């Protein structure tokens, strides 16, 4: 996962995108960054793996739920229902973690 994110960040730098600074600069990450990463990983571990993919897609990547079946078909409706159900359950686990 991290390799892809680092590769993506390198591509943004190459294209001249503005980068958010985390305060490191000297190769050592600040304590706040390390703490935020730990809290993020703990939160993600609270979500069972069968729900993780759809939660990551919607919450982390900010993308819509999508299914491969033809729109309007029974299969499409069933797959969308399943994805929405997984998202609701996964978010319930995330809420329980933070409460």
PDB file of N, CA and C in Angstrom:
ATOM      1  N   UNK A   1       0.838  -1.198   0.000  1.00  0.00           N
ATOM      2  CA  UNK A   1       0.000   0.000   0.000  1.00  0.00           C
ATOM      3  C   UNK A   1       0.873   1.248   0.000  1.00  0.00           C
ATOM      4  N   UNK A   2       1.871   1.273   0.883  1.00  0.00           N
ATOM      5  CA  UNK A   2       2.680   2.480   0.995  1.00  0.00           C
ATOM      6  C   UNK A   2       3.521   2.729  -0.247  1.00  0.00           C
ATOM      7  N   UNK A   3       4.001   1.655  -0.900  1.00  0.00           N
ATOM      8  CA  UNK A   3       4.804   1.835  -2.105  1.00  0.00           C
ATOM      9  C   UNK A   3       4.016   2.612  -3.154  1.00  0.00           C
ATOM     10  N   UNK A   4       2.741   2.250  -3.338  1.00  0.00           N
ATOM     11  CA  UNK A   4       1.913   2.940  -4.322  1.00  0.00           C
ATOM     12  C   UNK A   4       1.708   4.395  -3.939  1.00  0.00           C
ATOM     13  N   UNK A   5       1.502   4.660  -2.648  1.00  0.00           N
ATOM     14  CA  UNK A   5       1.311   6.047  -2.203  1.00  0.00           C
ATOM     15  C   UNK A   5       2.583   6.861  -2.403  1.00  0.00           C
ATOM     16  N   UNK A   6       3.747   6.267  -2.113  1.00  0.00           N
ATOM     17  CA  UNK A   6       5.000   6.983  -2.318  1.00  0.00           C
ATOM     18  C   UNK A   6       5.241   7.229  -3.802  1.00  0.00           C
ATOM     19  N   UNK A   7       4.921   6.249  -4.630  1.00  0.00           N
ATOM     20  CA  UNK A   7       5.076   6.400  -6.070  1.00  0.00           C
ATOM     21  C   UNK A   7       4.161   7.521  -6.568  1.00  0.00           C
ATOM     22  N   UNK A   8       2.927   7.558  -6.079  1.00  0.00           N
ATOM     23  CA  UNK A   8       1.966   8.591  -6.447  1.00  0.00           C
ATOM     24  C   UNK A   8       2.475   9.966  -6.007  1.00  0.00           C
ATOM     25  N   UNK A   9       3.014  10.053  -4.788  1.00  0.00           N
ATOM     26  CA  UNK A   9       3.541  11.325  -4.290  1.00  0.00           C
ATOM     27  C   UNK A   9       4.715  11.785  -5.158  1.00  0.00           C
ATOM     28  N   UNK A  10       5.574  10.850  -5.552  1.00  0.00           N
ATOM     29  CA  UNK A  10       6.690  11.201  -6.428  1.00  0.00           C
ATOM     30  C   UNK A  10       6.217  11.734  -7.764  1.00  0.00           C
ATOM     31  N   UNK A  11       5.146  11.153  -8.292  1.00  0.00           N
ATOM     32  CA  UNK A  11       4.579  11.622  -9.556  1.00  0.00           C
ATOM     33  C   UNK A  11       4.013  13.033  -9.408  1.00  0.00           C
ATOM     34  N   UNK A  12       3.365  13.321  -8.297  1.00  0.00           N
ATOM     35  CA  UNK A  12       2.837  14.664  -8.055  1.00  0.00           C
ATOM     36  C   UNK A  12       3.967  15.686  -7.988  1.00  0.00           C
ATOM     37  N   UNK A  13       5.055  15.309  -7.333  1.00  0.00           N
ATOM     38  CA  UNK A  13       6.205  16.212  -7.241  1.00  0.00           C
ATOM     39  C   UNK A  13       6.767  16.479  -8.629  1.00  0.00           C
ATOM     40  N   UNK A  14       6.892  15.426  -9.428  1.00  0.00           N
ATOM     41  CA  UNK A  14       7.430  15.573 -10.779  1.00  0.00           C
ATOM     42  C   UNK A  14       6.567  16.509 -11.620  1.00  0.00           C
ATOM     43  N   UNK A  15       5.244  16.458 -11.410  1.00  0.00           N
ATOM     44  CA  UNK A  15       4.339  17.310 -12.172  1.00  0.00           C
ATOM     45  C   UNK A  15       4.236  18.717 -11.596  1.00  0.00           C
ATOM     46  N   UNK A  16       4.909  18.967 -10.479  1.00  0.00           N
ATOM     47  CA  UNK A  16       4.912  20.309  -9.902  1.00  0.00           C
ATOM     48  C   UNK A  16       3.739  20.590  -8.990  1.00  0.00           C
ATOM     49  N   UNK A  17       3.101  19.559  -8.497  1.00  0.00           N
ATOM     50  CA  UNK A  17       1.969  19.760  -7.592  1.00  0.00           C
ATOM     51  C   UNK A  17       2.457  20.276  -6.249  1.00  0.00           C
ATOM     52  N   UNK A  18       1.609  21.040  -5.600  1.00  0.00           N
ATOM     53  CA  UNK A  18       1.949  21.564  -4.288  1.00  0.00           C
ATOM     54  C   UNK A  18       1.849  20.428  -3.266  1.00  0.00           C
ATOM     55  N   UNK A  19       2.877  20.257  -2.464  1.00  0.00           N
ATOM     56  CA  UNK A  19       2.900  19.172  -1.494  1.00  0.00           C
ATOM     57  C   UNK A  19       2.600  19.737  -0.109  1.00  0.00           C
ATOM     58  N   UNK A  20       1.862  18.960   0.674  1.00  0.00           N
ATOM     59  CA  UNK A  20       1.629  19.347   2.060  1.00  0.00           C
ATOM     60  C   UNK A  20       2.844  18.929   2.873  1.00  0.00           C
ATOM     61  N   UNK A  21       3.294  19.799   3.722  1.00  0.00           N
ATOM     62  CA  UNK A  21       4.489  19.527   4.510  1.00  0.00           C
ATOM     63  C   UNK A  21       4.069  18.975   5.866  1.00  0.00           C
ATOM     64  N   UNK A  22       4.714  17.875   6.277  1.00  0.00           N
ATOM     65  CA  UNK A  22       4.376  17.282   7.570  1.00  0.00           C
ATOM     66  C   UNK A  22       5.342  17.708   8.665  1.00  0.00           C
ATOM     67  N   UNK A  23       6.247  18.616   8.367  1.00  0.00           N
ATOM     68  CA  UNK A  23       7.143  19.126   9.392  1.00  0.00           C
ATOM     69  C   UNK A  23       8.423  18.338   9.542  1.00  0.00           C
ATOM     70  N   UNK A  24       8.610  17.308   8.740  1.00  0.00           N
ATOM     71  CA  UNK A  24       9.810  16.492   8.849  1.00  0.00           C
ATOM     72  C   UNK A  24      11.011  17.228   8.290  1.00  0.00           C
ATOM     73  N   UNK A  25      11.251  17.087   7.022  1.00  0.00           N
ATOM     74  CA  UNK A  25      12.320  17.809   6.344  1.00  0.00           C
ATOM     75  C   UNK A  25      13.690  17.201   6.540  1.00  0.00           C
ATOM     76  N   UNK A  26      13.947  16.610   7.684  1.00  0.00           N
ATOM     77  CA  UNK A  26      15.271  16.049   7.933  1.00  0.00           C
ATOM     78  C   UNK A  26      15.249  14.520   7.929  1.00  0.00           C
ATOM     79  N   UNK A  27      14.164  13.944   7.426  1.00  0.00           N
ATOM     80  CA  UNK A  27      14.061  12.495   7.362  1.00  0.00           C
ATOM     81  C   UNK A  27      13.482  11.856   8.610  1.00  0.00           C
ATOM     82  N   UNK A  28      13.316  12.646   9.666  1.00  0.00           N
ATOM     83  CA  UNK A  28      12.732  12.137  10.899  1.00  0.00           C
ATOM     84  C   UNK A  28      11.318  12.704  11.014  1.00  0.00           C
ATOM     85  N   UNK A  29      10.355  11.807  11.175  1.00  0.00           N
ATOM     86  CA  UNK A  29       8.972  12.259  11.266  1.00  0.00           C
ATOM     87  C   UNK A  29       8.664  12.800  12.652  1.00  0.00           C
ATOM     88  N   UNK A  30       7.954  13.915  12.723  1.00  0.00           N
ATOM     89  CA  UNK A  30       7.577  14.480  14.030  1.00  0.00           C
ATOM     90  C   UNK A  30       6.674  13.526  14.806  1.00  0.00           C
ATOM     91  N   UNK A  31       6.652  13.704  16.101  1.00  0.00           N
ATOM     92  CA  UNK A  31       5.864  12.832  16.971  1.00  0.00           C
ATOM     93  C   UNK A  31       4.379  12.895  16.633  1.00  0.00           C
ATOM     94  N   UNK A  32       3.877  14.070  16.248  1.00  0.00           N
ATOM     95  CA  UNK A  32       2.463  14.211  15.896  1.00  0.00           C
ATOM     96  C   UNK A  32       2.110  13.367  14.675  1.00  0.00           C
ATOM     97  N   UNK A  33       3.013  13.318  13.709  1.00  0.00           N
ATOM     98  CA  UNK A  33       2.770  12.522  12.505  1.00  0.00           C
ATOM     99  C   UNK A  33       2.759  11.043  12.858  1.00  0.00           C
ATOM    100  N   UNK A  34       3.699  10.624  13.659  1.00  0.00           N
ATOM    101  CA  UNK A  34       3.756   9.220  14.062  1.00  0.00           C
ATOM    102  C   UNK A  34       2.502   8.839  14.867  1.00  0.00           C
ATOM    103  N   UNK A  35       2.057   9.739  15.727  1.00  0.00           N
ATOM    104  CA  UNK A  35       0.853   9.485  16.515  1.00  0.00           C
ATOM    105  C   UNK A  35      -0.380   9.398  15.614  1.00  0.00           C
ATOM    106  N   UNK A  36      -0.480  10.288  14.635  1.00  0.00           N
ATOM    107  CA  UNK A  36      -1.618  10.270  13.708  1.00  0.00           C
ATOM    108  C   UNK A  36      -1.621   8.978  12.893  1.00  0.00           C
ATOM    109  N   UNK A  37      -0.470   8.537  12.452  1.00  0.00           N
ATOM    110  CA  UNK A  37      -0.386   7.284  11.696  1.00  0.00           C
ATOM    111  C   UNK A  37      -0.810   6.096  12.550  1.00  0.00           C
ATOM    112  N   UNK A  38      -0.385   6.088  13.814  1.00  0.00           N
ATOM    113  CA  UNK A  38      -0.756   4.994  14.705  1.00  0.00           C
ATOM    114  C   UNK A  38      -2.265   4.974  14.913  1.00  0.00           C
ATOM    115  N   UNK A  39      -2.871   6.144  15.137  1.00  0.00           N
ATOM    116  CA  UNK A  39      -4.313   6.203  15.320  1.00  0.00           C
ATOM    117  C   UNK A  39      -5.050   5.753  14.061  1.00  0.00           C
ATOM    118  N   UNK A  40      -4.518   6.143  12.891  1.00  0.00           N
ATOM    119  CA  UNK A  40      -5.121   5.730  11.617  1.00  0.00           C
ATOM    120  C   UNK A  40      -5.085   4.209  11.470  1.00  0.00           C
ATOM    121  N   UNK A  41      -3.923   3.600  11.709  1.00  0.00           N
ATOM    122  CA  UNK A  41      -3.793   2.150  11.566  1.00  0.00           C
ATOM    123  C   UNK A  41      -4.649   1.417  12.596  1.00  0.00           C
ATOM    124  N   UNK A  42      -4.720   1.936  13.814  1.00  0.00           N
ATOM    125  CA  UNK A  42      -5.584   1.314  14.820  1.00  0.00           C
ATOM    126  C   UNK A  42      -7.048   1.362  14.394  1.00  0.00           C
ATOM    127  N   UNK A  43      -7.465   2.499  13.838  1.00  0.00           N
ATOM    128  CA  UNK A  43      -8.848   2.641  13.380  1.00  0.00           C
ATOM    129  C   UNK A  43      -9.129   1.668  12.238  1.00  0.00           C
ATOM    130  N   UNK A  44      -8.201   1.561  11.300  1.00  0.00           N
ATOM    131  CA  UNK A  44      -8.410   0.666  10.169  1.00  0.00           C
ATOM    132  C   UNK A  44      -8.426  -0.795  10.594  1.00  0.00           C
ATOM    133  N   UNK A  45      -7.665  -1.129  11.624  1.00  0.00           N
ATOM    134  CA  UNK A  45      -7.662  -2.511  12.115  1.00  0.00           C
ATOM    135  C   UNK A  45      -8.954  -2.857  12.837  1.00  0.00           C
ATOM    136  N   UNK A  46      -9.720  -1.845  13.245  1.00  0.00           N
ATOM    137  CA  UNK A  46     -10.988  -2.116  13.920  1.00  0.00           C
ATOM    138  C   UNK A  46     -12.070  -2.568  12.936  1.00  0.00           C
ATOM    139  N   UNK A  47     -11.818  -2.384  11.638  1.00  0.00           N
ATOM    140  CA  UNK A  47     -12.785  -2.774  10.607  1.00  0.00           C
ATOM    141  C   UNK A  47     -12.421  -4.161  10.090  1.00  0.00           C
ATOM    142  N   UNK A  48     -13.344  -5.128  10.165  1.00  0.00           N
ATOM    143  CA  UNK A  48     -13.056  -6.469   9.636  1.00  0.00           C
ATOM    144  C   UNK A  48     -12.718  -6.417   8.136  1.00  0.00           C
ATOM    145  N   UNK A  49     -11.904  -7.338   7.697  1.00  0.00           N
ATOM    146  CA  UNK A  49     -11.393  -7.307   6.328  1.00  0.00           C
ATOM    147  C   UNK A  49     -12.481  -7.367   5.263  1.00  0.00           C
ATOM    148  N   UNK A  50     -13.600  -8.037   5.543  1.00  0.00           N
ATOM    149  CA  UNK A  50     -14.642  -8.135   4.519  1.00  0.00           C
ATOM    150  C   UNK A  50     -15.318  -6.789   4.246  1.00  0.00           C
ATOM    151  N   UNK A  51     -15.167  -5.822   5.151  1.00  0.00           N
ATOM    152  CA  UNK A  51     -15.768  -4.502   4.955  1.00  0.00           C
ATOM    153  C   UNK A  51     -14.732  -3.437   4.589  1.00  0.00           C
ATOM    154  N   UNK A  52     -13.482  -3.771   4.752  1.00  0.00           N
ATOM    155  CA  UNK A  52     -12.406  -2.789   4.605  1.00  0.00           C
ATOM    156  C   UNK A  52     -12.357  -2.171   3.216  1.00  0.00           C
ATOM    157  N   UNK A  53     -12.520  -2.961   2.168  1.00  0.00           N
ATOM    158  CA  UNK A  53     -12.346  -2.451   0.804  1.00  0.00           C
ATOM    159  C   UNK A  53     -13.335  -1.337   0.474  1.00  0.00           C
ATOM    160  N   UNK A  54     -14.593  -1.543   0.774  1.00  0.00           N
ATOM    161  CA  UNK A  54     -15.591  -0.521   0.438  1.00  0.00           C
ATOM    162  C   UNK A  54     -15.441   0.702   1.338  1.00  0.00           C
ATOM    163  N   UNK A  55     -15.087   0.513   2.602  1.00  0.00           N
ATOM    164  CA  UNK A  55     -14.870   1.658   3.500  1.00  0.00           C
ATOM    165  C   UNK A  55     -13.682   2.474   3.017  1.00  0.00           C
ATOM    166  N   UNK A  56     -12.604   1.806   2.640  1.00  0.00           N
ATOM    167  CA  UNK A  56     -11.416   2.509   2.128  1.00  0.00           C
ATOM    168  C   UNK A  56     -11.754   3.294   0.869  1.00  0.00           C
ATOM    169  N   UNK A  57     -12.507   2.666  -0.041  1.00  0.00           N
ATOM    170  CA  UNK A  57     -12.863   3.323  -1.298  1.00  0.00           C
ATOM    171  C   UNK A  57     -13.649   4.607  -1.051  1.00  0.00           C
ATOM    172  N   UNK A  58     -14.635   4.546  -0.174  1.00  0.00           N
ATOM    173  CA  UNK A  58     -15.514   5.695   0.052  1.00  0.00           C
ATOM    174  C   UNK A  58     -14.881   6.729   0.985  1.00  0.00           C
ATOM    175  N   UNK A  59     -14.307   6.278   2.093  1.00  0.00           N
ATOM    176  CA  UNK A  59     -13.828   7.200   3.115  1.00  0.00           C
ATOM    177  C   UNK A  59     -12.429   7.736   2.804  1.00  0.00           C
ATOM    178  N   UNK A  60     -11.516   6.876   2.473  1.00  0.00           N
ATOM    179  CA  UNK A  60     -10.127   7.283   2.264  1.00  0.00           C
ATOM    180  C   UNK A  60      -9.907   7.841   0.859  1.00  0.00           C
ATOM    181  N   UNK A  61     -10.386   7.139  -0.165  1.00  0.00           N
ATOM    182  CA  UNK A  61     -10.151   7.555  -1.547  1.00  0.00           C
ATOM    183  C   UNK A  61     -11.202   8.539  -2.067  1.00  0.00           C
ATOM    184  N   UNK A  62     -12.289   8.740  -1.290  1.00  0.00           N
ATOM    185  CA  UNK A  62     -13.348   9.685  -1.654  1.00  0.00           C
ATOM    186  C   UNK A  62     -13.933   9.384  -3.037  1.00  0.00           C
ATOM    187  N   UNK A  63     -14.176   8.090  -3.288  1.00  0.00           N
ATOM    188  CA  UNK A  63     -14.778   7.668  -4.559  1.00  0.00           C
ATOM    189  C   UNK A  63     -16.146   7.057  -4.293  1.00  0.00           C
ATOM    190  N   UNK A  64     -16.976   7.025  -5.322  1.00  0.00           N
ATOM    191  CA  UNK A  64     -18.292   6.421  -5.215  1.00  0.00           C
ATOM    192  C   UNK A  64     -18.187   4.902  -5.264  1.00  0.00           C
ATOM    193  N   UNK A  65     -19.184   4.238  -4.701  1.00  0.00           N
ATOM    194  CA  UNK A  65     -19.275   2.785  -4.803  1.00  0.00           C
ATOM    195  C   UNK A  65     -19.580   2.450  -6.263  1.00  0.00           C
ATOM    196  N   UNK A  66     -18.885   1.472  -6.805  1.00  0.00           N
ATOM    197  CA  UNK A  66     -19.155   1.060  -8.180  1.00  0.00           C
ATOM    198  C   UNK A  66     -19.160  -0.463  -8.259  1.00  0.00           C
ATOM    199  N   UNK A  67     -19.967  -0.967  -9.184  1.00  0.00           N
ATOM    200  CA  UNK A  67     -20.024  -2.407  -9.426  1.00  0.00           C
ATOM    201  C   UNK A  67     -19.888  -2.645 -10.925  1.00  0.00           C
ATOM    202  N   UNK A  68     -19.450  -3.850 -11.280  1.00  0.00           N
ATOM    203  CA  UNK A  68     -19.166  -4.160 -12.677  1.00  0.00           C
ATOM    204  C   UNK A  68     -20.415  -4.508 -13.483  1.00  0.00           C
ATOM    205  N   UNK A  69     -21.488  -4.901 -12.818  1.00  0.00           N
ATOM    206  CA  UNK A  69     -22.685  -5.348 -13.536  1.00  0.00           C
ATOM    207  C   UNK A  69     -23.359  -4.182 -14.269  1.00  0.00           C
ATOM    208  N   UNK A  70     -24.102  -4.518 -15.305  1.00  0.00           N
ATOM    209  CA  UNK A  70     -24.791  -3.519 -16.116  1.00  0.00           C
ATOM    210  C   UNK A  70     -25.819  -2.763 -15.271  1.00  0.00           C
ATOM    211  N   UNK A  71     -25.768  -1.442 -15.351  1.00  0.00           N
ATOM    212  CA  UNK A  71     -26.654  -0.602 -14.550  1.00  0.00           C
ATOM    213  C   UNK A  71     -28.124  -0.915 -14.872  1.00  0.00           C
ATOM    214  N   UNK A  72     -28.932  -1.028 -13.823  1.00  0.00           N
ATOM    215  CA  UNK A  72     -30.346  -1.326 -13.992  1.00  0.00           C
ATOM    216  C   UNK A  72     -30.682  -2.804 -13.926  1.00  0.00           C
ATOM    217  N   UNK A  73     -29.686  -3.659 -14.048  1.00  0.00           N
ATOM    218  CA  UNK A  73     -29.946  -5.104 -14.002  1.00  0.00           C
ATOM    219  C   UNK A  73     -30.139  -5.559 -12.557  1.00  0.00           C
ATOM    220  N   UNK A  74     -30.715  -6.724 -12.400  1.00  0.00           N
ATOM    221  CA  UNK A  74     -30.922  -7.290 -11.079  1.00  0.00           C
ATOM    222  C   UNK A  74     -29.583  -7.509 -10.374  1.00  0.00           C
ATOM    223  N   UNK A  75     -28.604  -7.980 -11.122  1.00  0.00           N
ATOM    224  CA  UNK A  75     -27.270  -8.198 -10.543  1.00  0.00           C
ATOM    225  C   UNK A  75     -26.681  -6.885 -10.043  1.00  0.00           C
ATOM    226  N   UNK A  76     -26.845  -5.814 -10.823  1.00  0.00           N
ATOM    227  CA  UNK A  76     -26.335  -4.492 -10.428  1.00  0.00           C
ATOM    228  C   UNK A  76     -26.990  -4.048  -9.125  1.00  0.00           C
ATOM    229  N   UNK A  77     -28.311  -4.188  -9.030  1.00  0.00           N
ATOM    230  CA  UNK A  77     -29.021  -3.780  -7.816  1.00  0.00           C
ATOM    231  C   UNK A  77     -28.569  -4.607  -6.609  1.00  0.00           C
ATOM    232  N   UNK A  78     -28.408  -5.910  -6.805  1.00  0.00           N
ATOM    233  CA  UNK A  78     -27.965  -6.775  -5.705  1.00  0.00           C
ATOM    234  C   UNK A  78     -26.550  -6.438  -5.246  1.00  0.00           C
ATOM    235  N   UNK A  79     -25.646  -6.196  -6.207  1.00  0.00           N
ATOM    236  CA  UNK A  79     -24.262  -5.853  -5.847  1.00  0.00           C
ATOM    237  C   UNK A  79     -24.184  -4.493  -5.168  1.00  0.00           C
ATOM    238  N   UNK A  80     -24.977  -3.527  -5.639  1.00  0.00           N
ATOM    239  CA  UNK A  80     -25.002  -2.218  -4.988  1.00  0.00           C
ATOM    240  C   UNK A  80     -25.534  -2.337  -3.562  1.00  0.00           C
ATOM    241  N   UNK A  81     -26.582  -3.137  -3.393  1.00  0.00           N
ATOM    242  CA  UNK A  81     -27.141  -3.351  -2.051  1.00  0.00           C
ATOM    243  C   UNK A  81     -26.072  -3.940  -1.132  1.00  0.00           C
ATOM    244  N   UNK A  82     -25.335  -4.930  -1.619  1.00  0.00           N
ATOM    245  CA  UNK A  82     -24.285  -5.564  -0.821  1.00  0.00           C
ATOM    246  C   UNK A  82     -23.191  -4.559  -0.462  1.00  0.00           C
ATOM    247  N   UNK A  83     -22.750  -3.765  -1.439  1.00  0.00           N
ATOM    248  CA  UNK A  83     -21.703  -2.771  -1.181  1.00  0.00           C
ATOM    249  C   UNK A  83     -22.166  -1.735  -0.156  1.00  0.00           C
ATOM    250  N   UNK A  84     -23.399  -1.271  -0.289  1.00  0.00           N
ATOM    251  CA  UNK A  84     -23.935  -0.293   0.665  1.00  0.00           C
ATOM    252  C   UNK A  84     -24.051  -0.903   2.057  1.00  0.00           C
ATOM    253  N   UNK A  85     -24.474  -2.167   2.109  1.00  0.00           N
ATOM    254  CA  UNK A  85     -24.561  -2.855   3.397  1.00  0.00           C
ATOM    255  C   UNK A  85     -23.171  -2.964   4.045  1.00  0.00           C
ATOM    256  N   UNK A  86     -22.180  -3.359   3.256  1.00  0.00           N
ATOM    257  CA  UNK A  86     -20.810  -3.470   3.772  1.00  0.00           C
ATOM    258  C   UNK A  86     -20.300  -2.122   4.259  1.00  0.00           C
ATOM    259  N   UNK A  87     -20.622  -1.055   3.541  1.00  0.00           N
ATOM    260  CA  UNK A  87     -20.204   0.284   3.953  1.00  0.00           C
ATOM    261  C   UNK A  87     -20.853   0.650   5.286  1.00  0.00           C
ATOM    262  N   UNK A  88     -22.147   0.411   5.423  1.00  0.00           N
ATOM    263  CA  UNK A  88     -22.835   0.736   6.683  1.00  0.00           C
ATOM    264  C   UNK A  88     -22.236  -0.035   7.853  1.00  0.00           C
ATOM    265  N   UNK A  89     -22.025  -1.324   7.671  1.00  0.00           N
ATOM    266  CA  UNK A  89     -21.476  -2.142   8.755  1.00  0.00           C
ATOM    267  C   UNK A  89     -20.050  -1.713   9.074  1.00  0.00           C
ATOM    268  N   UNK A  90     -19.236  -1.471   8.046  1.00  0.00           N
ATOM    269  CA  UNK A  90     -17.860  -1.023   8.263  1.00  0.00           C
ATOM    270  C   UNK A  90     -17.804   0.308   8.987  1.00  0.00           C
ATOM    271  N   UNK A  91     -18.687   1.225   8.632  1.00  0.00           N
ATOM    272  CA  UNK A  91     -18.731   2.516   9.318  1.00  0.00           C
ATOM    273  C   UNK A  91     -19.196   2.361  10.760  1.00  0.00           C
ATOM    274  N   UNK A  92     -20.087   1.394  11.011  1.00  0.00           N
ATOM    275  CA  UNK A  92     -20.494   1.123  12.390  1.00  0.00           C
ATOM    276  C   UNK A  92     -19.299   0.677  13.230  1.00  0.00           C
ATOM    277  N   UNK A  93     -18.441  -0.178  12.667  1.00  0.00           N
ATOM    278  CA  UNK A  93     -17.230  -0.591  13.389  1.00  0.00           C
ATOM    279  C   UNK A  93     -16.329   0.607  13.644  1.00  0.00           C
ATOM    280  N   UNK A  94     -16.202   1.481  12.662  1.00  0.00           N
ATOM    281  CA  UNK A  94     -15.356   2.666  12.825  1.00  0.00           C
ATOM    282  C   UNK A  94     -15.919   3.598  13.895  1.00  0.00           C
ATOM    283  N   UNK A  95     -17.217   3.760  13.929  1.00  0.00           N
ATOM    284  CA  UNK A  95     -17.853   4.589  14.960  1.00  0.00           C
ATOM    285  C   UNK A  95     -17.600   4.001  16.335  1.00  0.00           C
ATOM    286  N   UNK A  96     -17.750   2.689  16.460  1.00  0.00           N
ATOM    287  CA  UNK A  96     -17.507   2.029  17.744  1.00  0.00           C
ATOM    288  C   UNK A  96     -16.071   2.241  18.205  1.00  0.00           C
ATOM    289  N   UNK A  97     -15.136   2.246  17.269  1.00  0.00           N
ATOM    290  CA  UNK A  97     -13.737   2.462  17.618  1.00  0.00           C
ATOM    291  C   UNK A  97     -13.538   3.853  18.203  1.00  0.00           C
ATOM    292  N   UNK A  98     -14.159   4.859  17.601  1.00  0.00           N
ATOM    293  CA  UNK A  98     -13.950   6.230  18.042  1.00  0.00           C
ATOM    294  C   UNK A  98     -14.785   6.615  19.260  1.00  0.00           C
ATOM    295  N   UNK A  99     -15.856   5.869  19.525  1.00  0.00           N
ATOM    296  CA  UNK A  99     -16.695   6.190  20.687  1.00  0.00           C
ATOM    297  C   UNK A  99     -16.153   5.455  21.859  1.00  0.00           C
TER     298      UNK A  99
END
